[in-house]
Amino acid sequence: MEKATFAGGCFWCMVTPFEELPGIEGIVSGYMGGQVDNPTYEQVKTGTTGHLEVVQITYDPALFSYERLLELYWIQTDPTDDGGQFQDRGPQYAPAIFYHTEEQRVAADASRDVLAASGRFTAPIVTKIIPATTFFAAEDYHQDYHKKNPKHYKEDRAISGRDEFIEENWTKTV
């Protein structure tokens, strides 16, 4: 098993695109990249800890490749917005790919370069590709939030602007 860690705004919305796919063994919402040990959601949401909200995916690369994870990741984000994602604003919601191996870094860089050259976006791709640091799992109530609180999750997602952005920017061909 290997790990992939992605920041793409609110971690609640970053779970569902990856779950229930062959080779995906688990997805944990959490925090990465900051300077506070064992941060809480209340601390991270202030934007002062340096952490980003992330999902850490455990996967079997023989069944689901890292390159395919990257393809799914890009489609969930606005890679041109480093001020947050959709309605979630602040540095804790910036898009980033945290690589765990040199092979992941190379693959992430290559996928970013392909996206940048595609002409899909006129603004530059600003998603950071950075080394993975210590992962801190978010509080239990954040895990599988969409299953535990489906009504609130659907309402939050509906007003976020994420789905409209995906429809407008990722379903068109370039």
C-alpha atoms as a PDB file:
ATOM      1  CA  MET A   1       0.000   0.000   0.000  1.00  0.00           C
ATOM      2  CA  GLU A   2       1.077   3.561  -0.667  1.00  0.00           C
ATOM      3  CA  LYS A   3      -0.153   6.965   0.467  1.00  0.00           C
ATOM      4  CA  ALA A   4      -1.207  10.013  -1.527  1.00  0.00           C
ATOM      5  CA  THR A   5      -2.007  13.319   0.169  1.00  0.00           C
ATOM      6  CA  PHE A   6      -3.959  16.115  -1.499  1.00  0.00           C
ATOM      7  CA  ALA A   7      -5.215  19.530  -0.406  1.00  0.00           C
ATOM      8  CA  GLY A   8      -8.139  20.852  -2.407  1.00  0.00           C
ATOM      9  CA  GLY A   9     -10.148  23.086  -0.112  1.00  0.00           C
ATOM     10  CA  CYS A  10     -12.581  21.649   2.395  1.00  0.00           C
ATOM     11  CA  PHE A  11     -11.554  18.068   3.058  1.00  0.00           C
ATOM     12  CA  TRP A  12     -15.179  16.934   3.224  1.00  0.00           C
ATOM     13  CA  CYS A  13     -15.514  17.508  -0.524  1.00  0.00           C
ATOM     14  CA  MET A  14     -12.226  15.777  -1.323  1.00  0.00           C
ATOM     15  CA  VAL A  15     -13.269  12.388   0.040  1.00  0.00           C
ATOM     16  CA  THR A  16     -16.153  11.377  -2.215  1.00  0.00           C
ATOM     17  CA  PRO A  17     -14.337  11.528  -5.582  1.00  0.00           C
ATOM     18  CA  PHE A  18     -11.825   8.927  -4.423  1.00  0.00           C
ATOM     19  CA  GLU A  19     -13.885   6.548  -2.305  1.00  0.00           C
ATOM     20  CA  GLU A  20     -15.266   3.246  -3.494  1.00  0.00           C
ATOM     21  CA  LEU A  21     -12.758   2.941  -6.329  1.00  0.00           C
ATOM     22  CA  PRO A  22     -10.845  -0.308  -6.853  1.00  0.00           C
ATOM     23  CA  GLY A  23      -7.560  -0.210  -4.990  1.00  0.00           C
ATOM     24  CA  ILE A  24      -8.518   2.626  -2.632  1.00  0.00           C
ATOM     25  CA  GLU A  25      -8.158   1.147   0.834  1.00  0.00           C
ATOM     26  CA  GLY A  26      -8.906   4.209   2.946  1.00  0.00           C
ATOM     27  CA  ILE A  27      -9.276   7.977   3.015  1.00  0.00           C
ATOM     28  CA  VAL A  28      -8.614  10.034   6.130  1.00  0.00           C
ATOM     29  CA  SER A  29      -9.327  13.748   6.441  1.00  0.00           C
ATOM     30  CA  GLY A  30      -6.608  15.667   8.225  1.00  0.00           C
ATOM     31  CA  TYR A  31      -4.009  18.384   8.301  1.00  0.00           C
ATOM     32  CA  MET A  32      -0.516  18.680   6.866  1.00  0.00           C
ATOM     33  CA  GLY A  33       2.169  21.249   6.288  1.00  0.00           C
ATOM     34  CA  GLY A  34       2.040  23.359   9.435  1.00  0.00           C
ATOM     35  CA  GLN A  35       4.159  24.056  12.451  1.00  0.00           C
ATOM     36  CA  VAL A  36       1.813  23.031  15.285  1.00  0.00           C
ATOM     37  CA  ASP A  37       1.829  19.469  16.634  1.00  0.00           C
ATOM     38  CA  ASN A  38      -1.572  17.793  16.802  1.00  0.00           C
ATOM     39  CA  PRO A  39      -3.534  20.791  15.553  1.00  0.00           C
ATOM     40  CA  THR A  40      -7.264  20.985  16.074  1.00  0.00           C
ATOM     41  CA  TYR A  41      -9.809  22.002  13.491  1.00  0.00           C
ATOM     42  CA  GLU A  42     -10.420  25.185  15.481  1.00  0.00           C
ATOM     43  CA  GLN A  43      -6.711  26.051  15.224  1.00  0.00           C
ATOM     44  CA  VAL A  44      -6.336  25.145  11.543  1.00  0.00           C
ATOM     45  CA  LYS A  45      -9.429  27.054  10.424  1.00  0.00           C
ATOM     46  CA  THR A  46      -7.844  30.307  11.669  1.00  0.00           C
ATOM     47  CA  GLY A  47      -5.247  29.964   8.903  1.00  0.00           C
ATOM     48  CA  THR A  48      -2.405  30.662  11.339  1.00  0.00           C
ATOM     49  CA  THR A  49      -0.943  27.167  11.914  1.00  0.00           C
ATOM     50  CA  GLY A  50       0.428  26.702   8.407  1.00  0.00           C
ATOM     51  CA  HIS A  51      -1.557  23.495   7.941  1.00  0.00           C
ATOM     52  CA  LEU A  52      -3.751  22.741   4.971  1.00  0.00           C
ATOM     53  CA  GLU A  53      -6.887  20.636   5.114  1.00  0.00           C
ATOM     54  CA  VAL A  54      -5.970  17.434   3.286  1.00  0.00           C
ATOM     55  CA  VAL A  55      -7.140  13.962   2.489  1.00  0.00           C
ATOM     56  CA  GLN A  56      -4.666  11.136   2.852  1.00  0.00           C
ATOM     57  CA  ILE A  57      -5.475   8.209   0.614  1.00  0.00           C
ATOM     58  CA  THR A  58      -4.126   4.709   1.166  1.00  0.00           C
ATOM     59  CA  TYR A  59      -4.134   2.838  -2.121  1.00  0.00           C
ATOM     60  CA  ASP A  60      -2.811  -0.215  -3.892  1.00  0.00           C
ATOM     61  CA  PRO A  61      -0.747   1.045  -6.853  1.00  0.00           C
ATOM     62  CA  ALA A  62      -1.199  -2.285  -8.627  1.00  0.00           C
ATOM     63  CA  LEU A  63      -4.943  -1.592  -8.785  1.00  0.00           C
ATOM     64  CA  PHE A  64      -5.068   2.205  -8.972  1.00  0.00           C
ATOM     65  CA  SER A  65      -2.078   4.223 -10.129  1.00  0.00           C
ATOM     66  CA  TYR A  66      -0.805   7.443  -8.616  1.00  0.00           C
ATOM     67  CA  GLU A  67      -1.166   9.041 -12.043  1.00  0.00           C
ATOM     68  CA  ARG A  68      -4.885   8.214 -12.018  1.00  0.00           C
ATOM     69  CA  LEU A  69      -5.185   9.698  -8.509  1.00  0.00           C
ATOM     70  CA  LEU A  70      -3.586  12.872  -9.863  1.00  0.00           C
ATOM     71  CA  GLU A  71      -6.077  13.015 -12.731  1.00  0.00           C
ATOM     72  CA  LEU A  72      -8.957  12.781 -10.256  1.00  0.00           C
ATOM     73  CA  TYR A  73      -7.330  15.318  -7.956  1.00  0.00           C
ATOM     74  CA  TRP A  74      -6.974  18.050 -10.594  1.00  0.00           C
ATOM     75  CA  ILE A  75     -10.629  17.714 -11.588  1.00  0.00           C
ATOM     76  CA  GLN A  76     -11.750  18.482  -8.014  1.00  0.00           C
ATOM     77  CA  THR A  77      -9.882  21.782  -7.760  1.00  0.00           C
ATOM     78  CA  ASP A  78      -9.372  25.227  -9.199  1.00  0.00           C
ATOM     79  CA  PRO A  79      -5.627  24.929  -9.737  1.00  0.00           C
ATOM     80  CA  THR A  80      -5.363  28.648 -10.518  1.00  0.00           C
ATOM     81  CA  ASP A  81      -6.553  29.831  -7.081  1.00  0.00           C
ATOM     82  CA  ASP A  82      -4.029  29.751  -4.241  1.00  0.00           C
ATOM     83  CA  GLY A  83      -6.240  31.847  -1.940  1.00  0.00           C
ATOM     84  CA  GLY A  84      -8.469  28.903  -1.119  1.00  0.00           C
ATOM     85  CA  GLN A  85     -10.956  26.806  -3.018  1.00  0.00           C
ATOM     86  CA  PHE A  86     -14.433  27.942  -3.945  1.00  0.00           C
ATOM     87  CA  GLN A  87     -16.288  29.354  -0.913  1.00  0.00           C
ATOM     88  CA  ASP A  88     -13.510  28.240   1.459  1.00  0.00           C
ATOM     89  CA  ARG A  89     -11.018  31.077   1.637  1.00  0.00           C
ATOM     90  CA  GLY A  90      -7.674  31.273   3.393  1.00  0.00           C
ATOM     91  CA  PRO A  91      -4.286  29.566   3.283  1.00  0.00           C
ATOM     92  CA  GLN A  92      -5.627  26.448   5.009  1.00  0.00           C
ATOM     93  CA  TYR A  93      -7.752  25.761   1.907  1.00  0.00           C
ATOM     94  CA  ALA A  94      -5.072  26.304  -0.765  1.00  0.00           C
ATOM     95  CA  PRO A  95      -4.567  23.506  -3.294  1.00  0.00           C
ATOM     96  CA  ALA A  96      -1.444  21.375  -2.908  1.00  0.00           C
ATOM     97  CA  ILE A  97      -0.083  17.969  -3.736  1.00  0.00           C
ATOM     98  CA  PHE A  98       2.075  16.537  -0.960  1.00  0.00           C
ATOM     99  CA  TYR A  99       4.424  13.941  -2.402  1.00  0.00           C
ATOM    100  CA  HIS A 100       5.681  10.994  -0.355  1.00  0.00           C
ATOM    101  CA  THR A 101       8.335   9.725  -2.799  1.00  0.00           C
ATOM    102  CA  GLU A 102      10.506  11.101  -5.553  1.00  0.00           C
ATOM    103  CA  GLU A 103       8.413   9.131  -8.042  1.00  0.00           C
ATOM    104  CA  GLN A 104       5.284  10.921  -6.816  1.00  0.00           C
ATOM    105  CA  ARG A 105       7.033  14.290  -7.149  1.00  0.00           C
ATOM    106  CA  VAL A 106       8.038  13.547 -10.726  1.00  0.00           C
ATOM    107  CA  ALA A 107       4.530  12.354 -11.605  1.00  0.00           C
ATOM    108  CA  ALA A 108       2.895  15.384  -9.939  1.00  0.00           C
ATOM    109  CA  ASP A 109       5.242  17.810 -11.717  1.00  0.00           C
ATOM    110  CA  ALA A 110       4.566  16.106 -15.042  1.00  0.00           C
ATOM    111  CA  SER A 111       0.787  16.177 -14.538  1.00  0.00           C
ATOM    112  CA  ARG A 112       0.918  19.869 -13.608  1.00  0.00           C
ATOM    113  CA  ASP A 113       2.991  20.626 -16.699  1.00  0.00           C
ATOM    114  CA  VAL A 114       0.546  18.762 -18.953  1.00  0.00           C
ATOM    115  CA  LEU A 115      -2.349  20.700 -17.424  1.00  0.00           C
ATOM    116  CA  ALA A 116      -0.537  24.015 -17.808  1.00  0.00           C
ATOM    117  CA  ALA A 117       0.200  23.285 -21.477  1.00  0.00           C
ATOM    118  CA  SER A 118      -3.348  22.105 -22.193  1.00  0.00           C
ATOM    119  CA  GLY A 119      -4.860  25.572 -22.533  1.00  0.00           C
ATOM    120  CA  ARG A 120      -7.722  24.616 -20.214  1.00  0.00           C
ATOM    121  CA  PHE A 121      -6.966  27.626 -17.993  1.00  0.00           C
ATOM    122  CA  THR A 122      -5.688  31.028 -19.035  1.00  0.00           C
ATOM    123  CA  ALA A 123      -4.370  31.824 -15.558  1.00  0.00           C
ATOM    124  CA  PRO A 124      -1.228  30.051 -14.323  1.00  0.00           C
ATOM    125  CA  ILE A 125      -1.428  26.797 -12.383  1.00  0.00           C
ATOM    126  CA  VAL A 126      -0.508  27.709  -8.791  1.00  0.00           C
ATOM    127  CA  THR A 127      -1.089  24.389  -7.015  1.00  0.00           C
ATOM    128  CA  LYS A 128       1.994  23.702  -4.932  1.00  0.00           C
ATOM    129  CA  ILE A 129       3.785  20.369  -5.146  1.00  0.00           C
ATOM    130  CA  ILE A 130       5.620  19.948  -1.872  1.00  0.00           C
ATOM    131  CA  PRO A 131       7.132  17.214   0.284  1.00  0.00           C
ATOM    132  CA  ALA A 132       4.772  15.444   2.644  1.00  0.00           C
ATOM    133  CA  THR A 133       5.278  16.240   6.297  1.00  0.00           C
ATOM    134  CA  THR A 134       3.621  14.851   9.399  1.00  0.00           C
ATOM    135  CA  PHE A 135      -0.018  13.996   8.816  1.00  0.00           C
ATOM    136  CA  PHE A 136      -2.482  14.693  11.609  1.00  0.00           C
ATOM    137  CA  ALA A 137      -5.884  13.033  11.332  1.00  0.00           C
ATOM    138  CA  ALA A 138      -8.786  15.416  11.796  1.00  0.00           C
ATOM    139  CA  GLU A 139     -11.251  14.922  14.601  1.00  0.00           C
ATOM    140  CA  ASP A 140     -13.588  11.925  14.327  1.00  0.00           C
ATOM    141  CA  TYR A 141     -16.615  14.023  13.405  1.00  0.00           C
ATOM    142  CA  HIS A 142     -14.829  15.094  10.197  1.00  0.00           C
ATOM    143  CA  GLN A 143     -14.191  11.511   9.058  1.00  0.00           C
ATOM    144  CA  ASP A 144     -16.773  10.358   6.492  1.00  0.00           C
ATOM    145  CA  TYR A 145     -18.651  13.588   7.148  1.00  0.00           C
ATOM    146  CA  HIS A 146     -20.770  13.140   4.029  1.00  0.00           C
ATOM    147  CA  LYS A 147     -22.101   9.865   5.450  1.00  0.00           C
ATOM    148  CA  LYS A 148     -22.588  11.052   9.030  1.00  0.00           C
ATOM    149  CA  ASN A 149     -24.207  14.374   8.082  1.00  0.00           C
ATOM    150  CA  PRO A 150     -25.534  13.954   4.533  1.00  0.00           C
ATOM    151  CA  LYS A 151     -28.010  16.832   4.674  1.00  0.00           C
ATOM    152  CA  HIS A 152     -25.460  19.389   5.882  1.00  0.00           C
ATOM    153  CA  TYR A 153     -22.801  18.046   3.522  1.00  0.00           C
ATOM    154  CA  LYS A 154     -25.126  18.357   0.504  1.00  0.00           C
ATOM    155  CA  GLU A 155     -26.185  21.868   1.518  1.00  0.00           C
ATOM    156  CA  ASP A 156     -22.584  22.977   2.046  1.00  0.00           C
ATOM    157  CA  ARG A 157     -21.436  21.461  -1.212  1.00  0.00           C
ATOM    158  CA  ALA A 158     -24.373  22.986  -3.108  1.00  0.00           C
ATOM    159  CA  ILE A 159     -23.485  26.525  -2.035  1.00  0.00           C
ATOM    160  CA  SER A 160     -19.718  26.076  -2.347  1.00  0.00           C
ATOM    161  CA  GLY A 161     -19.489  26.651  -6.097  1.00  0.00           C
ATOM    162  CA  ARG A 162     -17.325  23.551  -6.521  1.00  0.00           C
ATOM    163  CA  ASP A 163     -19.768  21.586  -8.671  1.00  0.00           C
ATOM    164  CA  GLU A 164     -20.467  24.541 -10.967  1.00  0.00           C
ATOM    165  CA  PHE A 165     -16.736  25.125 -11.399  1.00  0.00           C
ATOM    166  CA  ILE A 166     -16.138  21.459 -12.198  1.00  0.00           C
ATOM    167  CA  GLU A 167     -18.989  21.458 -14.716  1.00  0.00           C
ATOM    168  CA  GLU A 168     -17.803  24.658 -16.384  1.00  0.00           C
ATOM    169  CA  ASN A 169     -14.078  23.970 -16.449  1.00  0.00           C
ATOM    170  CA  TRP A 170     -13.546  20.236 -16.445  1.00  0.00           C
ATOM    171  CA  THR A 171     -16.299  18.817 -18.635  1.00  0.00           C
ATOM    172  CA  LYS A 172     -15.344  20.872 -21.692  1.00  0.00           C
ATOM    173  CA  THR A 173     -12.766  19.572 -24.103  1.00  0.00           C
ATOM    174  CA  VAL A 174      -9.750  21.674 -24.991  1.00  0.00           C
END
